[in-house]
Amino acid sequence: MADIYQFPAGAIDGIAAADAADTAGRMTQESYGRTEAAPAQAHADVPDEVLRAVESVRRMMHIDGVQYREIPVPRRLADYGIGVGLGVPLDEPGYGDAIRSGISGWIMTLYDLEPRKAWRSHWRCAAFVCAPLPGPAHDALAADMVWDAVTQSLESVEAVDPAGTVTITRNAGYGALAGDGTAGTSAGAGPGAPVRTLGFEVRVSWTPATMGDRDPDVGAQVAAWARFAHDAAEAIHDDSGL
């Protein structure tokens, strides 16, 4: 699973091949007093910063219960991008079948060859999550609650200039997605009554922090957003606030 992050295609193989060639070259030099020429690295036109970012995502720790997959990044967004789709399955009878598709989301880390004024960097992260709201959420306060949870998650990576929107959604399940009269706001309404739940969609972007000339830790950005999705699922399990 950790090997799916291959943007640009074959980039990681190119890094590995170059590392192996460098090691072989040192061994040859030590043994025979000379160094063999290393083959040209694959994707030489891709900035080293992007290749290192791909490697940091490939090596990041995965959170149990979170599903990861590579997703395409639209070319119009930036010169280069790394996209990761996230999913957290849910099976909570207390919320009815209407939410059993789980929590879904994604994060894209964008890189432009020329720094953008709005980003104040070469880099920018954009992310999305769609999830049901946990517990007896009041929709008048729910947006603030979700945004507070987002900013707390991003504090771990010292996100710069986070900005975004929170949309509160109302969902009703009918037919095969209806409840048994014991769940959601339809409790006591009898079998087949629609299960009504609140949910949210959050869209956020931020500039990943850098230290001097050091690259941002892109793997840490992905991990932080995966943690937010995971915590949203845990709140559903615990029937508590985010």
Protein backbone atom coordinates (compact mmCIF):
# COMPACT_ATOMS: atom_id res chain seq x y z
CA MET A 1 0.00 0.00 0.00
CA ALA A 2 2.86 2.38 0.78
CA ASP A 3 4.11 2.05 -2.79
CA ILE A 4 1.09 3.59 -4.52
CA TYR A 5 2.43 7.13 -4.46
CA GLN A 6 4.19 7.18 -7.82
CA PHE A 7 3.67 10.74 -9.06
CA PRO A 8 5.31 11.41 -11.39
CA ALA A 9 5.05 7.81 -12.63
CA GLY A 10 8.22 5.91 -11.79
CA ALA A 11 9.76 8.74 -9.79
CA ILE A 12 10.36 6.60 -6.73
CA ASP A 13 11.94 3.89 -8.86
CA GLY A 14 14.21 6.56 -10.30
CA ILE A 15 15.28 7.65 -6.82
CA ALA A 16 15.89 4.06 -5.76
CA ALA A 17 17.88 3.32 -8.91
CA ALA A 18 20.03 6.41 -8.41
CA ASP A 19 20.65 5.48 -4.77
CA ALA A 20 21.60 1.93 -5.76
CA ALA A 21 23.90 3.20 -8.49
CA ASP A 22 25.56 5.61 -6.07
CA THR A 23 26.13 2.82 -3.55
CA ALA A 24 27.52 0.53 -6.24
CA GLY A 25 29.79 3.35 -7.41
CA ARG A 26 31.23 3.85 -3.94
CA MET A 27 31.82 0.14 -3.59
CA THR A 28 33.57 0.04 -6.95
CA GLN A 29 35.73 2.99 -5.99
CA GLU A 30 36.70 1.40 -2.69
CA SER A 31 37.52 -1.92 -4.33
CA TYR A 32 39.16 -0.85 -7.56
CA GLY A 33 40.07 2.80 -7.07
CA ARG A 34 37.61 4.06 -9.66
CA THR A 35 33.90 4.94 -9.89
CA GLU A 36 31.52 3.72 -12.57
CA ALA A 37 29.27 6.38 -14.09
CA ALA A 38 25.75 6.26 -12.64
CA PRO A 39 22.83 6.13 -15.08
CA ALA A 40 20.82 9.31 -15.58
CA GLN A 41 18.06 9.64 -13.02
CA ALA A 42 14.54 9.09 -14.32
CA HIS A 43 12.36 12.19 -14.61
CA ALA A 44 15.32 14.55 -14.54
CA ASP A 45 12.96 17.42 -15.45
CA VAL A 46 10.98 17.02 -12.22
CA PRO A 47 12.21 19.32 -9.43
CA ASP A 48 14.06 17.56 -6.63
CA GLU A 49 11.67 19.15 -4.14
CA VAL A 50 8.75 17.33 -5.76
CA LEU A 51 10.55 14.01 -5.82
CA ARG A 52 11.43 14.37 -2.15
CA ALA A 53 7.79 15.23 -1.41
CA VAL A 54 6.64 12.06 -3.16
CA GLU A 55 9.10 10.07 -1.09
CA SER A 56 7.89 11.65 2.17
CA VAL A 57 4.30 10.65 1.35
CA ARG A 58 5.37 7.13 0.44
CA ARG A 59 7.17 6.75 3.77
CA MET A 60 4.57 8.34 6.06
CA MET A 61 2.91 6.31 8.78
CA HIS A 62 -0.59 5.11 7.93
CA ILE A 63 -3.40 5.36 10.44
CA ASP A 64 -5.30 2.17 11.20
CA GLY A 65 -8.83 2.31 9.83
CA VAL A 66 -8.04 4.90 7.16
CA GLN A 67 -7.93 3.84 3.51
CA TYR A 68 -5.47 5.61 1.19
CA ARG A 69 -5.30 5.79 -2.59
CA GLU A 70 -3.58 7.95 -5.16
CA ILE A 71 -5.82 10.39 -7.05
CA PRO A 72 -5.03 12.61 -10.05
CA VAL A 73 -4.39 16.32 -9.59
CA PRO A 74 -5.86 18.57 -12.32
CA ARG A 75 -3.03 20.15 -14.30
CA ARG A 76 -4.69 23.56 -14.19
CA LEU A 77 -4.11 23.80 -10.44
CA ALA A 78 -0.31 23.84 -10.44
CA ASP A 79 2.81 22.68 -12.27
CA TYR A 80 3.01 19.56 -10.09
CA GLY A 81 0.75 17.92 -7.57
CA ILE A 82 0.44 14.93 -5.27
CA GLY A 83 -3.12 13.73 -4.64
CA VAL A 84 -4.22 11.30 -1.94
CA GLY A 85 -7.79 10.09 -1.49
CA LEU A 86 -8.91 9.11 2.02
CA GLY A 87 -11.74 6.94 3.28
CA VAL A 88 -12.90 5.77 6.70
CA PRO A 89 -15.61 3.07 6.59
CA LEU A 90 -18.48 3.44 9.05
CA ASP A 91 -21.03 0.92 10.23
CA GLU A 92 -22.96 2.57 13.02
CA PRO A 93 -26.48 1.15 13.46
CA GLY A 94 -27.41 4.09 15.67
CA TYR A 95 -27.14 6.38 12.65
CA GLY A 96 -28.88 4.11 10.18
CA ASP A 97 -27.82 2.89 6.76
CA ALA A 98 -27.83 6.43 5.36
CA ILE A 99 -24.24 7.08 6.49
CA ARG A 100 -22.71 3.65 6.01
CA SER A 101 -20.82 4.83 2.97
CA GLY A 102 -18.45 6.29 5.55
CA ILE A 103 -16.24 9.36 5.66
CA SER A 104 -14.52 10.38 2.46
CA GLY A 105 -12.05 13.05 1.53
CA TRP A 106 -8.84 13.96 -0.21
CA ILE A 107 -5.77 16.16 0.05
CA MET A 108 -3.75 17.62 -2.82
CA THR A 109 -0.32 19.14 -2.31
CA LEU A 110 0.45 21.59 -5.11
CA TYR A 111 3.82 22.88 -6.32
CA ASP A 112 4.46 25.75 -8.72
CA LEU A 113 7.86 26.41 -10.22
CA GLU A 114 7.40 30.12 -9.48
CA PRO A 115 6.22 31.10 -5.99
CA ARG A 116 2.65 32.40 -5.91
CA LYS A 117 1.96 35.65 -4.12
CA ALA A 118 -1.24 34.34 -2.57
CA TRP A 119 0.55 31.24 -1.28
CA ARG A 120 3.73 33.07 -0.24
CA SER A 121 5.43 29.85 -1.27
CA HIS A 122 5.95 27.34 -4.07
CA TRP A 123 3.63 25.02 -2.10
CA ARG A 124 -0.05 24.92 -1.15
CA CYS A 125 -2.25 22.17 0.26
CA ALA A 126 -5.96 21.86 -0.58
CA ALA A 127 -8.18 19.36 1.20
CA PHE A 128 -11.77 18.16 1.52
CA VAL A 129 -13.74 15.90 3.87
CA CYS A 130 -17.40 14.89 3.86
CA ALA A 131 -18.76 13.25 7.02
CA PRO A 132 -21.82 12.90 9.24
CA LEU A 133 -21.92 15.03 12.36
CA PRO A 134 -21.48 13.14 15.61
CA GLY A 135 -23.80 13.16 18.58
CA PRO A 136 -26.73 15.54 19.09
CA ALA A 137 -25.13 18.27 16.98
CA HIS A 138 -26.97 21.57 16.69
CA ASP A 139 -26.55 22.86 13.15
CA ALA A 140 -26.41 26.49 14.34
CA LEU A 141 -23.13 25.70 16.10
CA ALA A 142 -21.89 22.82 13.98
CA ALA A 143 -19.85 24.87 11.49
CA ASP A 144 -17.83 26.49 14.27
CA MET A 145 -17.29 23.10 15.88
CA VAL A 146 -16.01 21.58 12.63
CA TRP A 147 -13.71 24.51 11.85
CA ASP A 148 -12.23 24.37 15.36
CA ALA A 149 -11.47 20.68 14.82
CA VAL A 150 -9.84 21.46 11.46
CA THR A 151 -7.56 24.14 12.88
CA GLN A 152 -6.59 21.90 15.79
CA SER A 153 -5.58 19.15 13.35
CA LEU A 154 -3.50 21.58 11.29
CA GLU A 155 -1.72 22.98 14.35
CA SER A 156 0.37 19.79 14.42
CA VAL A 157 1.98 20.76 11.09
CA GLU A 158 2.08 24.51 11.82
CA ALA A 159 -0.07 25.27 8.78
CA VAL A 160 0.31 28.82 7.45
CA ASP A 161 -2.70 30.92 6.42
CA PRO A 162 -5.39 28.21 6.61
CA ALA A 163 -8.62 29.27 4.93
CA GLY A 164 -11.75 27.38 4.08
CA THR A 165 -15.48 26.83 4.26
CA VAL A 166 -17.75 24.50 6.22
CA THR A 167 -21.09 23.44 4.76
CA ILE A 168 -23.67 21.78 6.99
CA THR A 169 -25.79 19.22 5.16
CA ARG A 170 -29.10 17.53 5.96
CA ASN A 171 -29.45 13.96 4.76
CA ALA A 172 -32.50 11.71 4.66
CA GLY A 173 -32.38 8.02 3.79
CA TYR A 174 -35.36 6.42 2.06
CA GLY A 175 -36.26 2.97 0.82
CA ALA A 176 -33.38 0.58 1.40
CA LEU A 177 -31.59 3.38 3.26
CA ALA A 178 -34.47 4.03 5.64
CA GLY A 179 -34.26 3.05 9.29
CA ASP A 180 -36.09 0.65 11.56
CA GLY A 181 -37.74 3.35 13.67
CA THR A 182 -35.01 3.28 16.34
CA ALA A 183 -32.32 5.53 14.83
CA GLY A 184 -31.71 9.17 14.01
CA THR A 185 -34.47 11.79 14.13
CA SER A 186 -36.93 9.15 12.90
CA ALA A 187 -36.82 7.29 16.22
CA GLY A 188 -40.26 6.09 17.14
CA ALA A 189 -41.69 6.84 13.69
CA GLY A 190 -41.91 3.18 12.76
CA PRO A 191 -40.12 0.91 10.29
CA GLY A 192 -39.39 2.43 6.91
CA ALA A 193 -39.40 6.02 8.13
CA PRO A 194 -36.53 8.06 6.66
CA VAL A 195 -33.42 8.43 8.76
CA ARG A 196 -32.46 12.11 8.95
CA THR A 197 -28.94 13.07 9.89
CA LEU A 198 -26.76 16.14 9.83
CA GLY A 199 -23.44 16.09 8.05
CA PHE A 200 -20.71 18.46 7.00
CA GLU A 201 -18.41 19.19 4.10
CA VAL A 202 -15.21 21.07 4.79
CA ARG A 203 -12.94 22.59 2.17
CA VAL A 204 -9.67 24.08 3.33
CA SER A 205 -6.32 25.16 1.96
CA TRP A 206 -3.08 26.15 3.67
CA THR A 207 0.58 26.74 2.99
CA PRO A 208 2.80 24.03 4.52
CA ALA A 209 5.43 25.38 6.88
CA THR A 210 9.08 25.44 5.84
CA MET A 211 12.23 26.10 7.85
CA GLY A 212 14.64 28.24 5.89
CA ASP A 213 15.59 26.41 2.71
CA ARG A 214 14.21 23.09 3.91
CA ASP A 215 11.36 21.41 2.06
CA PRO A 216 7.95 21.16 3.74
CA ASP A 217 7.12 17.76 5.17
CA VAL A 218 4.43 16.81 2.68
CA GLY A 219 3.93 13.39 4.24
CA ALA A 220 3.10 15.12 7.52
CA GLN A 221 0.46 17.26 5.78
CA VAL A 222 -1.26 14.16 4.40
CA ALA A 223 -1.02 12.41 7.78
CA ALA A 224 -2.57 15.40 9.58
CA TRP A 225 -5.55 15.44 7.23
CA ALA A 226 -5.95 11.67 7.53
CA ARG A 227 -5.96 12.14 11.31
CA PHE A 228 -8.79 14.67 11.00
CA ALA A 229 -10.86 12.17 8.98
CA HIS A 230 -10.04 9.41 11.47
CA ASP A 231 -11.01 11.60 14.45
CA ALA A 232 -14.32 12.44 12.77
CA ALA A 233 -15.02 8.70 12.57
CA GLU A 234 -14.01 8.20 16.19
CA ALA A 235 -16.46 10.92 17.22
CA ILE A 236 -19.22 8.96 15.47
CA HIS A 237 -18.20 5.76 17.29
CA ASP A 238 -18.07 7.55 20.65
CA ASP A 239 -21.23 9.61 19.94
CA SER A 240 -19.32 12.72 21.01
CA GLY A 241 -18.29 16.06 19.54
CA LEU A 242 -15.38 16.47 17.16
